[in-house]
Amino acid sequence: MEKYIASATRYDGTTQYKRCGESGILLPKVSLGFWHNFGNLTPYERSREIALCAFDHGITHFDLANNYGPEPGEAESRLGKILKDDLAPYRDELFICTKAAYDMWDGPYGSWASRKHLTASLDQSLRRLGLDYVDLFYCHRYDPNTPLDETLQTLVDIVHSGKALYVGISRWPLEALRYGMRYLKEHGVPMLIYQGRFHLLDRAPHEEGILDELQSEGKGFISFSPLSQGLLTDRYLNGIPEGSRMTEGRFLKQNVLTQELLDKLRALNNLAQQRGESLAQMSLAWILNHKVVTSVLVGASSTQQLETNLKCMQSAPFSDDELDIIERILK
């Protein structure tokens, strides 16, 4: 088995970087998400190899949240150990983010976006990570019950405290996002980036006007679940394999894979093969083809899977005919 170890040969042109909106931050076009495969159901050494493989390929952005696991907090604890054992000398080359606002601990303060939850959660995250600060801290979801000013002022104060360098917003509706960007800018802590689900099968951020708003405001966008939990790969083209995420049924249900969807996936796969790439690589490249998109967040169950997906950064540009074909397949 190949051994991954942080080295001085990372920046060899394999990984491409893109400016995050109009900020000073460059992010890799492909970032490593810790939602899956960094919990206690995965052997630690596999998690470590994936993280080091990513870093050795120039993937400097690691995306976490307080409740990523299982168990909640385990992903942050694992990265904390990887940082201590392997990556501590390279801390300033990494862009580490975490989030809060989803269910994390029992009681009335363990979730949502109050000042109490966001502040306490970030303190817990920093302890698990073994860090003094994170590079980016998100409000993970919109809270309809907490006043927006309370949530937003907490984000401002977190930056002023030195516990985060930048703040982001995830999964907020358009009007709340507009208000939030304005508030943060007026208080000297402009929003860096918005995180949302955006891929070939889910265009909601575009349809809702979020991408256009971010473009006009000079903000970045990062797509989570860009492969639709594995649907936009070759894994389900011939049915549901044993041991797949769909057989587990936790996040991806078997009834999603209708014959109509399967026909579309096979047609997309045929186009990808004509382009000389996998369905996953083409799907990631399609997202990155949008000007406002800074990066896509990929998970990985192995270093081989990660290295395969990183090839999307070398994908050929889409022709107008190819984009039209994609739209006709998915209409």
Protein backbone atom coordinates (compact mmCIF):
# COMPACT_ATOMS: atom_id res chain seq x y z
CA MET A 1 0.00 0.00 0.00
CA GLU A 2 1.31 3.41 -0.95
CA LYS A 3 2.31 5.55 1.99
CA TYR A 4 1.18 9.17 1.95
CA ILE A 5 3.29 11.70 3.75
CA ALA A 6 3.23 15.45 3.48
CA SER A 7 5.95 16.46 1.04
CA ALA A 8 7.30 19.48 -0.78
CA THR A 9 6.13 18.14 -4.17
CA ARG A 10 2.43 18.81 -3.68
CA TYR A 11 2.10 21.87 -5.88
CA ASP A 12 2.89 20.22 -9.20
CA GLY A 13 0.00 21.63 -11.21
CA THR A 14 -2.30 18.65 -10.57
CA THR A 15 -4.50 20.68 -8.26
CA GLN A 16 -5.94 23.91 -9.57
CA TYR A 17 -6.96 26.76 -7.30
CA LYS A 18 -9.62 29.41 -7.74
CA ARG A 19 -10.20 32.74 -6.05
CA CYS A 20 -13.14 32.67 -3.66
CA GLY A 21 -15.32 35.44 -5.02
CA GLU A 22 -13.52 38.76 -4.71
CA SER A 23 -11.65 37.79 -1.53
CA GLY A 24 -7.97 37.16 -1.03
CA ILE A 25 -8.51 33.42 -0.55
CA LEU A 26 -7.65 30.76 -3.11
CA LEU A 27 -9.30 27.39 -2.62
CA PRO A 28 -8.58 24.14 -4.44
CA LYS A 29 -11.25 23.43 -7.05
CA VAL A 30 -11.75 20.11 -5.27
CA SER A 31 -11.91 20.14 -1.47
CA LEU A 32 -12.06 17.24 0.97
CA GLY A 33 -15.28 16.78 2.91
CA PHE A 34 -15.25 14.92 6.22
CA TRP A 35 -18.97 14.10 6.39
CA HIS A 36 -18.45 10.40 5.66
CA ASN A 37 -15.46 8.10 6.17
CA PHE A 38 -14.05 10.04 9.12
CA GLY A 39 -16.28 8.59 11.82
CA ASN A 40 -15.78 5.64 14.11
CA LEU A 41 -17.29 3.22 11.55
CA THR A 42 -14.14 3.69 9.45
CA PRO A 43 -10.70 2.48 10.58
CA TYR A 44 -8.56 5.41 11.67
CA GLU A 45 -5.69 4.48 9.35
CA ARG A 46 -7.99 4.67 6.33
CA SER A 47 -9.18 8.13 7.36
CA ARG A 48 -5.58 9.20 7.86
CA GLU A 49 -4.49 7.89 4.44
CA ILE A 50 -7.32 9.73 2.70
CA ALA A 51 -6.49 13.02 4.44
CA LEU A 52 -2.75 12.73 3.74
CA CYS A 53 -3.40 11.66 0.15
CA ALA A 54 -5.55 14.76 -0.32
CA PHE A 55 -2.88 17.04 1.14
CA ASP A 56 -0.12 15.42 -0.90
CA HIS A 57 -2.17 16.22 -4.02
CA GLY A 58 -2.52 19.87 -3.03
CA ILE A 59 -5.98 19.68 -1.47
CA THR A 60 -5.52 22.29 1.23
CA HIS A 61 -9.18 22.81 2.18
CA PHE A 62 -10.70 20.41 4.72
CA ASP A 63 -14.44 20.80 5.40
CA LEU A 64 -15.91 19.62 8.71
CA ALA A 65 -18.84 20.26 11.03
CA ASN A 66 -19.38 19.77 14.74
CA ASN A 67 -21.74 16.81 14.22
CA TYR A 68 -19.82 14.91 11.52
CA GLY A 69 -19.10 11.36 12.56
CA PRO A 70 -20.57 9.11 13.69
CA GLU A 71 -20.42 9.74 16.59
CA PRO A 72 -20.94 13.52 16.49
CA GLY A 73 -17.56 15.20 16.88
CA GLU A 74 -15.57 12.17 15.74
CA ALA A 75 -14.52 13.68 12.40
CA GLU A 76 -13.04 16.70 14.17
CA SER A 77 -11.32 14.46 16.72
CA ARG A 78 -9.79 12.38 13.93
CA LEU A 79 -8.52 15.41 12.07
CA GLY A 80 -7.14 16.69 15.36
CA LYS A 81 -5.11 13.49 15.70
CA ILE A 82 -3.98 13.66 12.07
CA LEU A 83 -2.89 17.26 12.60
CA LYS A 84 -0.97 16.32 15.74
CA ASP A 85 0.69 13.26 14.25
CA ASP A 86 1.31 14.39 10.67
CA LEU A 87 0.21 17.82 9.56
CA ALA A 88 1.05 20.17 12.43
CA PRO A 89 4.13 21.55 10.60
CA TYR A 90 1.85 22.45 7.67
CA ARG A 91 -0.94 24.20 9.58
CA ASP A 92 -0.45 27.46 7.71
CA GLU A 93 -0.84 25.66 4.38
CA LEU A 94 -4.25 24.33 5.37
CA PHE A 95 -7.66 26.01 5.21
CA ILE A 96 -9.78 24.25 7.82
CA CYS A 97 -13.47 24.94 8.31
CA THR A 98 -16.15 23.75 10.67
CA LYS A 99 -19.82 24.51 11.25
CA ALA A 100 -22.56 24.62 13.86
CA ALA A 101 -26.38 24.79 13.97
CA TYR A 102 -27.43 21.16 13.49
CA ASP A 103 -28.23 18.79 16.37
CA MET A 104 -25.09 18.20 18.43
CA TRP A 105 -25.87 17.65 22.14
CA ASP A 106 -28.93 17.23 24.33
CA GLY A 107 -30.86 20.07 25.86
CA PRO A 108 -32.15 23.40 24.55
CA TYR A 109 -28.73 24.77 23.52
CA GLY A 110 -27.40 21.82 21.52
CA SER A 111 -28.74 22.92 18.16
CA TRP A 112 -29.86 25.82 15.94
CA ALA A 113 -28.18 29.20 15.66
CA SER A 114 -28.40 31.04 18.95
CA ARG A 115 -25.37 32.87 20.29
CA LYS A 116 -25.15 30.24 23.03
CA HIS A 117 -25.01 27.28 20.63
CA LEU A 118 -22.68 28.77 18.03
CA THR A 119 -20.18 30.00 20.61
CA ALA A 120 -20.17 26.85 22.73
CA SER A 121 -20.01 24.59 19.68
CA LEU A 122 -17.02 26.37 18.20
CA ASP A 123 -15.17 26.14 21.51
CA GLN A 124 -15.82 22.39 21.56
CA SER A 125 -14.70 22.07 17.93
CA LEU A 126 -11.43 23.85 18.62
CA ARG A 127 -10.71 21.51 21.51
CA ARG A 128 -11.37 18.43 19.37
CA LEU A 129 -9.24 19.80 16.54
CA GLY A 130 -6.47 20.93 18.86
CA LEU A 131 -6.46 24.35 17.20
CA ASP A 132 -6.55 27.94 18.41
CA TYR A 133 -8.66 29.00 15.43
CA VAL A 134 -10.34 27.70 12.30
CA ASP A 135 -9.93 29.41 8.97
CA LEU A 136 -13.66 29.40 8.25
CA PHE A 137 -16.72 29.02 10.47
CA TYR A 138 -20.20 28.47 9.03
CA CYS A 139 -23.69 28.84 10.31
CA HIS A 140 -24.73 25.40 9.05
CA ARG A 141 -28.44 26.09 8.49
CA TYR A 142 -31.07 28.80 8.66
CA ASP A 143 -32.77 29.13 12.04
CA PRO A 144 -36.31 30.51 11.64
CA ASN A 145 -36.75 31.13 15.38
CA THR A 146 -33.54 32.90 16.39
CA PRO A 147 -33.37 36.57 15.30
CA LEU A 148 -31.00 36.89 12.36
CA ASP A 149 -29.20 39.76 14.07
CA GLU A 150 -28.31 37.49 17.00
CA THR A 151 -26.86 34.83 14.72
CA LEU A 152 -25.01 37.30 12.53
CA GLN A 153 -23.57 39.35 15.39
CA THR A 154 -22.28 36.11 16.90
CA LEU A 155 -20.43 35.39 13.64
CA VAL A 156 -18.96 38.89 13.74
CA ASP A 157 -17.86 38.46 17.35
CA ILE A 158 -16.33 35.06 16.63
CA VAL A 159 -14.05 36.63 14.01
CA HIS A 160 -13.21 39.52 16.34
CA SER A 161 -12.33 36.99 19.07
CA GLY A 162 -9.73 35.38 16.78
CA LYS A 163 -11.42 31.98 16.83
CA ALA A 164 -12.15 32.12 13.08
CA LEU A 165 -10.61 34.11 10.24
CA TYR A 166 -13.66 34.06 7.95
CA VAL A 167 -17.35 33.23 8.17
CA GLY A 168 -19.70 31.49 5.78
CA ILE A 169 -23.38 30.67 5.46
CA SER A 170 -24.86 27.32 4.48
CA ARG A 171 -28.36 26.48 3.27
CA TRP A 172 -30.00 29.83 4.00
CA PRO A 173 -32.92 31.00 1.81
CA LEU A 174 -32.26 33.88 -0.56
CA GLU A 175 -33.80 36.74 1.43
CA ALA A 176 -32.04 35.70 4.64
CA LEU A 177 -28.80 35.37 2.70
CA ARG A 178 -29.19 38.89 1.29
CA TYR A 179 -29.82 40.29 4.76
CA GLY A 180 -26.92 38.32 6.19
CA MET A 181 -24.41 39.47 3.57
CA ARG A 182 -25.45 43.09 4.11
CA TYR A 183 -25.25 42.82 7.91
CA LEU A 184 -21.85 41.14 7.89
CA LYS A 185 -20.43 43.67 5.44
CA GLU A 186 -21.71 46.61 7.50
CA HIS A 187 -20.08 45.13 10.60
CA GLY A 188 -16.68 44.66 9.00
CA VAL A 189 -16.77 40.86 8.62
CA PRO A 190 -17.92 40.17 5.05
CA MET A 191 -19.20 36.68 4.26
CA LEU A 192 -16.59 34.68 2.38
CA ILE A 193 -18.57 31.81 0.89
CA TYR A 194 -21.95 30.09 0.69
CA GLN A 195 -22.28 26.31 0.87
CA GLY A 196 -25.21 24.58 -0.80
CA ARG A 197 -26.24 21.43 -2.62
CA PHE A 198 -25.75 21.90 -6.36
CA HIS A 199 -25.20 19.22 -8.96
CA LEU A 200 -26.61 17.83 -12.20
CA LEU A 201 -29.70 16.44 -10.45
CA ASP A 202 -30.32 19.37 -8.09
CA ARG A 203 -30.17 22.94 -9.43
CA ALA A 204 -31.92 24.62 -6.48
CA PRO A 205 -29.27 27.31 -5.79
CA HIS A 206 -29.50 28.39 -9.43
CA GLU A 207 -33.29 28.17 -9.63
CA GLU A 208 -33.73 30.12 -6.38
CA GLY A 209 -31.43 32.93 -7.51
CA ILE A 210 -28.72 32.23 -4.95
CA LEU A 211 -25.93 31.74 -7.50
CA ASP A 212 -26.82 34.99 -9.27
CA GLU A 213 -26.89 36.85 -5.96
CA LEU A 214 -23.49 35.53 -4.94
CA GLN A 215 -22.08 36.41 -8.35
CA SER A 216 -23.32 39.98 -8.12
CA GLU A 217 -21.98 40.36 -4.57
CA GLY A 218 -18.55 38.89 -5.34
CA LYS A 219 -18.91 35.88 -3.02
CA GLY A 220 -17.82 32.29 -3.45
CA PHE A 221 -19.94 29.17 -3.66
CA ILE A 222 -18.99 25.61 -2.70
CA SER A 223 -21.10 22.58 -3.58
CA PHE A 224 -21.64 19.77 -1.09
CA SER A 225 -22.79 16.29 -2.15
CA PRO A 226 -21.75 17.11 -5.74
CA LEU A 227 -22.17 13.46 -6.79
CA SER A 228 -25.61 13.14 -5.19
CA GLN A 229 -24.46 10.58 -2.62
CA GLY A 230 -22.96 8.41 -5.37
CA LEU A 231 -25.83 8.52 -7.86
CA LEU A 232 -23.65 10.53 -10.26
CA THR A 233 -21.03 7.79 -10.42
CA ASP A 234 -20.96 4.45 -12.19
CA ARG A 235 -21.88 2.63 -8.99
CA TYR A 236 -25.62 2.29 -9.63
CA LEU A 237 -25.70 2.02 -13.42
CA ASN A 238 -26.33 -1.74 -13.25
CA GLY A 239 -28.44 -1.87 -10.11
CA ILE A 240 -27.80 -1.58 -6.40
CA PRO A 241 -24.59 -3.33 -5.32
CA GLU A 242 -24.27 -4.97 -1.91
CA GLY A 243 -22.54 -2.82 0.66
CA SER A 244 -23.38 0.43 -1.12
CA ARG A 245 -24.70 3.51 0.64
CA MET A 246 -28.12 2.81 -0.87
CA THR A 247 -28.32 -0.62 0.78
CA GLU A 248 -27.63 1.06 4.12
CA GLY A 249 -30.59 3.34 3.46
CA ARG A 250 -29.50 6.02 5.88
CA PHE A 251 -29.04 8.96 3.53
CA LEU A 252 -29.76 7.43 0.12
CA LYS A 253 -32.99 5.48 -0.23
CA GLN A 254 -33.47 2.68 -2.75
CA ASN A 255 -36.76 4.12 -4.05
CA VAL A 256 -34.81 7.09 -5.44
CA LEU A 257 -33.34 4.92 -8.19
CA THR A 258 -36.33 4.82 -10.52
CA GLN A 259 -36.11 3.49 -14.07
CA GLU A 260 -36.47 7.06 -15.36
CA LEU A 261 -33.49 8.23 -13.30
CA LEU A 262 -31.47 5.17 -14.26
CA ASP A 263 -32.05 5.91 -17.95
CA LYS A 264 -30.82 9.47 -17.43
CA LEU A 265 -27.74 8.33 -15.54
CA ARG A 266 -26.86 5.86 -18.29
CA ALA A 267 -27.26 8.55 -20.94
CA LEU A 268 -25.01 10.88 -18.95
CA ASN A 269 -22.49 8.08 -18.57
CA ASN A 270 -22.45 7.56 -22.34
CA LEU A 271 -21.64 11.25 -22.82
CA ALA A 272 -18.89 11.06 -20.19
CA GLN A 273 -17.34 8.10 -21.99
CA GLN A 274 -17.37 10.06 -25.23
CA ARG A 275 -15.46 12.79 -23.39
CA GLY A 276 -12.95 10.18 -22.19
CA GLU A 277 -13.84 10.46 -18.51
CA SER A 278 -15.99 8.86 -15.85
CA LEU A 279 -19.51 9.98 -14.98
CA ALA A 280 -18.21 11.27 -11.65
CA GLN A 281 -15.44 13.32 -13.28
CA MET A 282 -17.84 14.85 -15.79
CA SER A 283 -20.38 15.61 -13.06
CA LEU A 284 -17.79 17.45 -10.98
CA ALA A 285 -16.45 19.29 -14.02
CA TRP A 286 -19.99 20.42 -14.90
CA ILE A 287 -20.35 22.08 -11.50
CA LEU A 288 -16.94 23.74 -11.76
CA ASN A 289 -17.93 25.04 -15.19
CA HIS A 290 -20.14 27.61 -13.43
CA LYS A 291 -18.25 30.85 -12.91
CA VAL A 292 -19.48 31.52 -9.39
CA VAL A 293 -18.50 28.06 -8.11
CA THR A 294 -15.19 28.11 -6.25
CA SER A 295 -14.92 24.46 -5.25
CA VAL A 296 -16.68 21.12 -4.94
CA LEU A 297 -16.61 19.07 -1.75
CA VAL A 298 -15.86 15.40 -2.34
CA GLY A 299 -15.88 12.60 0.16
CA ALA A 300 -13.83 9.48 -0.40
CA SER A 301 -13.89 5.92 0.89
CA SER A 302 -10.39 5.24 -0.45
CA THR A 303 -7.36 7.06 -1.79
CA GLN A 304 -8.00 5.52 -5.20
CA GLN A 305 -11.49 7.00 -5.34
CA LEU A 306 -10.15 10.39 -4.30
CA GLU A 307 -7.38 10.37 -6.91
CA THR A 308 -9.86 9.39 -9.61
CA ASN A 309 -12.21 12.25 -8.76
CA LEU A 310 -9.35 14.76 -8.67
CA LYS A 311 -8.95 14.20 -12.41
CA CYS A 312 -12.03 16.35 -12.97
CA MET A 313 -9.70 19.35 -12.75
CA GLN A 314 -8.10 18.21 -16.01
CA SER A 315 -11.42 17.78 -17.80
CA ALA A 316 -11.76 19.39 -21.21
CA PRO A 317 -14.06 22.44 -21.42
CA PHE A 318 -17.66 21.64 -22.30
CA SER A 319 -18.78 22.46 -25.82
CA ASP A 320 -22.16 24.12 -26.32
CA ASP A 321 -23.39 20.90 -27.91
CA GLU A 322 -22.38 18.87 -24.86
CA LEU A 323 -24.13 21.28 -22.51
CA ASP A 324 -27.25 21.08 -24.67
CA ILE A 325 -27.12 17.27 -24.61
CA ILE A 326 -26.93 17.31 -20.80
CA GLU A 327 -29.95 19.58 -20.59
CA ARG A 328 -31.96 17.40 -22.97
CA ILE A 329 -31.09 14.28 -20.94
CA LEU A 330 -32.18 15.87 -17.68
CA LYS A 331 -35.27 17.76 -18.84
